[in-house]
Amino acid sequence: MLLCRIVGNAVATCAHPSLKGCSLKLCQREEADGTPTSEAPFIAIDHFNSGLHQRVFVSTDGIAARGIVDDEHSPVRNFIQGILDD
């Protein structure tokens, strides 16, 4: 599980059918004190309707992510597990 901050939304004009209706968020990994890491931001599916600049927990468990979208052939890997209450 990763601690991240939402830094943007992602829009896909052409996406895998399993992602239809999914909200895609751009996540920047952070240290516990809130400083961003040097890693590049990545995309995660979001079923919590998290907002810009909110801190979230992200899972990189691809099997669980494919279970969420109910498609074992989906390319999805990351999903937001929860929003931190700051």
N, C-alpha and C. Protein backbone atom coordinates (compact mmCIF):
# COMPACT_ATOMS: atom_id res chain seq x y z
N MET A 1 0.84 -1.17 0.00
CA MET A 1 0.00 0.00 0.00
C MET A 1 0.89 1.23 0.00
N LEU A 2 0.51 2.22 -0.80
CA LEU A 2 1.29 3.44 -0.94
C LEU A 2 0.51 4.64 -0.41
N LEU A 3 1.20 5.59 0.17
CA LEU A 3 0.62 6.85 0.58
C LEU A 3 0.83 7.83 -0.56
N CYS A 4 -0.26 8.42 -1.05
CA CYS A 4 -0.17 9.30 -2.23
C CYS A 4 -1.05 10.53 -2.04
N ARG A 5 -0.83 11.49 -2.94
CA ARG A 5 -1.68 12.68 -3.01
C ARG A 5 -2.25 12.74 -4.43
N ILE A 6 -3.53 13.09 -4.53
CA ILE A 6 -4.16 13.23 -5.85
C ILE A 6 -3.66 14.54 -6.45
N VAL A 7 -3.03 14.43 -7.63
CA VAL A 7 -2.48 15.62 -8.29
C VAL A 7 -3.19 15.93 -9.60
N GLY A 8 -4.17 15.13 -9.95
CA GLY A 8 -4.92 15.41 -11.18
C GLY A 8 -5.88 14.28 -11.52
N ASN A 9 -6.66 14.54 -12.56
CA ASN A 9 -7.58 13.55 -13.10
C ASN A 9 -7.01 13.05 -14.42
N ALA A 10 -7.36 11.84 -14.79
CA ALA A 10 -6.93 11.30 -16.07
C ALA A 10 -8.17 10.98 -16.89
N VAL A 11 -8.09 11.25 -18.17
CA VAL A 11 -9.19 10.98 -19.09
C VAL A 11 -8.63 10.14 -20.22
N ALA A 12 -9.32 9.06 -20.54
CA ALA A 12 -8.89 8.19 -21.63
C ALA A 12 -9.98 8.17 -22.70
N THR A 13 -9.67 8.67 -23.87
CA THR A 13 -10.65 8.65 -24.95
C THR A 13 -10.81 7.26 -25.53
N CYS A 14 -9.78 6.45 -25.37
CA CYS A 14 -9.82 5.07 -25.83
C CYS A 14 -9.24 4.21 -24.71
N ALA A 15 -10.09 3.43 -24.06
CA ALA A 15 -9.64 2.65 -22.90
C ALA A 15 -10.18 1.23 -22.98
N HIS A 16 -9.60 0.37 -22.19
CA HIS A 16 -10.07 -1.01 -22.10
C HIS A 16 -11.52 -1.01 -21.63
N PRO A 17 -12.37 -1.87 -22.17
CA PRO A 17 -13.78 -1.89 -21.78
C PRO A 17 -14.01 -2.06 -20.27
N SER A 18 -13.10 -2.71 -19.57
CA SER A 18 -13.27 -2.91 -18.12
C SER A 18 -13.19 -1.60 -17.35
N LEU A 19 -12.65 -0.56 -17.95
CA LEU A 19 -12.50 0.73 -17.26
C LEU A 19 -13.67 1.68 -17.51
N LYS A 20 -14.67 1.20 -18.26
CA LYS A 20 -15.83 2.04 -18.55
C LYS A 20 -16.52 2.43 -17.24
N GLY A 21 -16.72 3.71 -17.05
CA GLY A 21 -17.37 4.21 -15.85
C GLY A 21 -16.45 4.42 -14.66
N CYS A 22 -15.18 4.04 -14.79
CA CYS A 22 -14.22 4.23 -13.69
C CYS A 22 -13.65 5.64 -13.71
N SER A 23 -13.49 6.20 -12.54
CA SER A 23 -12.81 7.47 -12.40
C SER A 23 -11.31 7.19 -12.27
N LEU A 24 -10.51 7.89 -13.04
CA LEU A 24 -9.06 7.69 -13.04
C LEU A 24 -8.38 8.91 -12.43
N LYS A 25 -7.54 8.69 -11.45
CA LYS A 25 -6.84 9.78 -10.76
C LYS A 25 -5.34 9.66 -10.94
N LEU A 26 -4.68 10.79 -11.05
CA LEU A 26 -3.23 10.86 -11.13
C LEU A 26 -2.71 11.01 -9.70
N CYS A 27 -1.88 10.05 -9.27
CA CYS A 27 -1.42 9.97 -7.89
C CYS A 27 0.09 10.18 -7.81
N GLN A 28 0.51 11.01 -6.86
CA GLN A 28 1.92 11.24 -6.58
C GLN A 28 2.25 10.61 -5.25
N ARG A 29 3.20 9.71 -5.23
CA ARG A 29 3.59 9.05 -3.99
C ARG A 29 4.23 10.07 -3.05
N GLU A 30 3.97 9.91 -1.74
CA GLU A 30 4.49 10.83 -0.72
C GLU A 30 5.12 10.06 0.43
N GLU A 31 5.99 10.75 1.15
CA GLU A 31 6.52 10.24 2.41
C GLU A 31 5.46 10.50 3.48
N ALA A 32 5.63 9.93 4.66
CA ALA A 32 4.67 10.11 5.74
C ALA A 32 4.49 11.57 6.15
N ASP A 33 5.56 12.36 6.00
CA ASP A 33 5.48 13.78 6.38
C ASP A 33 4.87 14.66 5.29
N GLY A 34 4.48 14.08 4.17
CA GLY A 34 3.82 14.82 3.10
C GLY A 34 4.72 15.29 1.98
N THR A 35 6.01 15.04 2.07
CA THR A 35 6.90 15.43 0.97
C THR A 35 6.80 14.41 -0.16
N PRO A 36 6.68 14.91 -1.40
CA PRO A 36 6.57 14.00 -2.54
C PRO A 36 7.89 13.27 -2.79
N THR A 37 7.78 12.03 -3.25
CA THR A 37 8.98 11.28 -3.63
C THR A 37 9.40 11.72 -5.02
N SER A 38 10.54 11.24 -5.47
CA SER A 38 11.03 11.60 -6.80
C SER A 38 10.42 10.71 -7.89
N GLU A 39 9.59 9.76 -7.50
CA GLU A 39 8.95 8.88 -8.47
C GLU A 39 7.94 9.64 -9.32
N ALA A 40 7.75 9.18 -10.54
CA ALA A 40 6.77 9.80 -11.43
C ALA A 40 5.35 9.49 -10.95
N PRO A 41 4.41 10.41 -11.16
CA PRO A 41 3.01 10.13 -10.81
C PRO A 41 2.48 8.95 -11.63
N PHE A 42 1.45 8.30 -11.12
CA PHE A 42 0.86 7.17 -11.81
C PHE A 42 -0.66 7.26 -11.70
N ILE A 43 -1.36 6.43 -12.46
CA ILE A 43 -2.82 6.45 -12.50
C ILE A 43 -3.38 5.31 -11.67
N ALA A 44 -4.47 5.61 -10.95
CA ALA A 44 -5.18 4.60 -10.16
C ALA A 44 -6.68 4.80 -10.37
N ILE A 45 -7.44 3.70 -10.33
CA ILE A 45 -8.89 3.83 -10.40
C ILE A 45 -9.40 4.27 -9.03
N ASP A 46 -10.49 5.04 -9.04
CA ASP A 46 -11.00 5.64 -7.82
C ASP A 46 -12.50 5.43 -7.70
N HIS A 47 -12.92 4.67 -6.72
CA HIS A 47 -14.35 4.47 -6.45
C HIS A 47 -14.79 5.24 -5.21
N PHE A 48 -13.93 6.13 -4.70
CA PHE A 48 -14.24 6.91 -3.51
C PHE A 48 -14.54 8.37 -3.84
N ASN A 49 -14.40 8.74 -5.12
CA ASN A 49 -14.62 10.12 -5.55
C ASN A 49 -13.70 11.09 -4.79
N SER A 50 -12.43 10.71 -4.69
CA SER A 50 -11.46 11.57 -4.00
C SER A 50 -11.21 12.84 -4.81
N GLY A 51 -10.88 13.89 -4.10
CA GLY A 51 -10.69 15.18 -4.74
C GLY A 51 -9.23 15.55 -4.91
N LEU A 52 -9.02 16.58 -5.70
CA LEU A 52 -7.69 17.09 -5.96
C LEU A 52 -7.01 17.48 -4.64
N HIS A 53 -5.76 17.09 -4.47
CA HIS A 53 -4.91 17.36 -3.32
C HIS A 53 -5.24 16.54 -2.07
N GLN A 54 -6.20 15.62 -2.14
CA GLN A 54 -6.47 14.76 -1.00
C GLN A 54 -5.41 13.68 -0.91
N ARG A 55 -5.11 13.26 0.32
CA ARG A 55 -4.18 12.15 0.55
C ARG A 55 -4.97 10.86 0.56
N VAL A 56 -4.42 9.84 -0.12
CA VAL A 56 -5.11 8.56 -0.28
C VAL A 56 -4.14 7.41 -0.08
N PHE A 57 -4.69 6.25 0.23
CA PHE A 57 -3.93 5.01 0.21
C PHE A 57 -4.19 4.34 -1.12
N VAL A 58 -3.14 3.89 -1.79
CA VAL A 58 -3.27 3.23 -3.08
C VAL A 58 -2.68 1.83 -3.00
N SER A 59 -3.41 0.86 -3.53
CA SER A 59 -2.91 -0.51 -3.61
C SER A 59 -2.39 -0.76 -5.01
N THR A 60 -1.28 -1.49 -5.09
CA THR A 60 -0.72 -1.87 -6.40
C THR A 60 -0.96 -3.35 -6.68
N ASP A 61 -1.94 -3.93 -6.00
CA ASP A 61 -2.28 -5.34 -6.17
C ASP A 61 -3.15 -5.49 -7.42
N GLY A 62 -2.53 -5.89 -8.51
CA GLY A 62 -3.24 -6.02 -9.78
C GLY A 62 -4.36 -7.03 -9.75
N ILE A 63 -4.19 -8.13 -9.03
CA ILE A 63 -5.25 -9.14 -8.95
C ILE A 63 -6.49 -8.56 -8.28
N ALA A 64 -6.30 -7.83 -7.18
CA ALA A 64 -7.43 -7.20 -6.50
C ALA A 64 -8.07 -6.13 -7.39
N ALA A 65 -7.25 -5.37 -8.10
CA ALA A 65 -7.77 -4.32 -9.00
C ALA A 65 -8.63 -4.94 -10.10
N ARG A 66 -8.18 -6.05 -10.66
CA ARG A 66 -8.96 -6.72 -11.70
C ARG A 66 -10.25 -7.29 -11.13
N GLY A 67 -10.23 -7.68 -9.86
CA GLY A 67 -11.45 -8.13 -9.20
C GLY A 67 -12.45 -7.00 -9.03
N ILE A 68 -11.95 -5.79 -8.77
CA ILE A 68 -12.83 -4.63 -8.61
C ILE A 68 -13.56 -4.32 -9.91
N VAL A 69 -12.85 -4.41 -11.04
CA VAL A 69 -13.51 -4.12 -12.33
C VAL A 69 -14.14 -5.37 -12.93
N ASP A 70 -14.02 -6.50 -12.22
CA ASP A 70 -14.62 -7.78 -12.61
C ASP A 70 -14.21 -8.22 -14.02
N ASP A 71 -12.90 -8.14 -14.28
CA ASP A 71 -12.37 -8.58 -15.58
C ASP A 71 -10.93 -9.05 -15.37
N GLU A 72 -10.70 -10.35 -15.45
CA GLU A 72 -9.36 -10.88 -15.21
C GLU A 72 -8.36 -10.52 -16.29
N HIS A 73 -8.82 -9.95 -17.40
CA HIS A 73 -7.92 -9.55 -18.48
C HIS A 73 -7.70 -8.03 -18.53
N SER A 74 -8.23 -7.32 -17.55
CA SER A 74 -8.09 -5.87 -17.51
C SER A 74 -6.63 -5.48 -17.28
N PRO A 75 -6.18 -4.38 -17.88
CA PRO A 75 -4.81 -3.92 -17.66
C PRO A 75 -4.64 -3.12 -16.36
N VAL A 76 -5.71 -2.94 -15.60
CA VAL A 76 -5.65 -2.12 -14.38
C VAL A 76 -4.76 -2.79 -13.33
N ARG A 77 -4.00 -1.97 -12.60
CA ARG A 77 -3.12 -2.48 -11.57
C ARG A 77 -3.28 -1.73 -10.25
N ASN A 78 -3.54 -0.43 -10.30
CA ASN A 78 -3.58 0.40 -9.10
C ASN A 78 -5.01 0.85 -8.80
N PHE A 79 -5.36 0.87 -7.50
CA PHE A 79 -6.67 1.38 -7.13
C PHE A 79 -6.58 2.05 -5.76
N ILE A 80 -7.42 3.06 -5.59
CA ILE A 80 -7.45 3.79 -4.33
C ILE A 80 -8.24 2.98 -3.32
N GLN A 81 -7.61 2.73 -2.15
CA GLN A 81 -8.23 1.93 -1.11
C GLN A 81 -8.96 2.79 -0.08
N GLY A 82 -8.56 4.03 0.05
CA GLY A 82 -9.21 4.89 1.03
C GLY A 82 -8.64 6.29 1.01
N ILE A 83 -9.38 7.20 1.61
CA ILE A 83 -8.99 8.60 1.71
C ILE A 83 -8.57 8.88 3.14
N LEU A 84 -7.44 9.57 3.32
CA LEU A 84 -6.97 9.94 4.65
C LEU A 84 -7.74 11.17 5.12
N ASP A 85 -8.14 11.16 6.36
CA ASP A 85 -8.84 12.27 6.96
C ASP A 85 -7.81 13.17 7.62
N ASP A 86 -7.40 14.22 6.93
CA ASP A 86 -6.37 15.13 7.45
C ASP A 86 -6.93 16.15 8.40
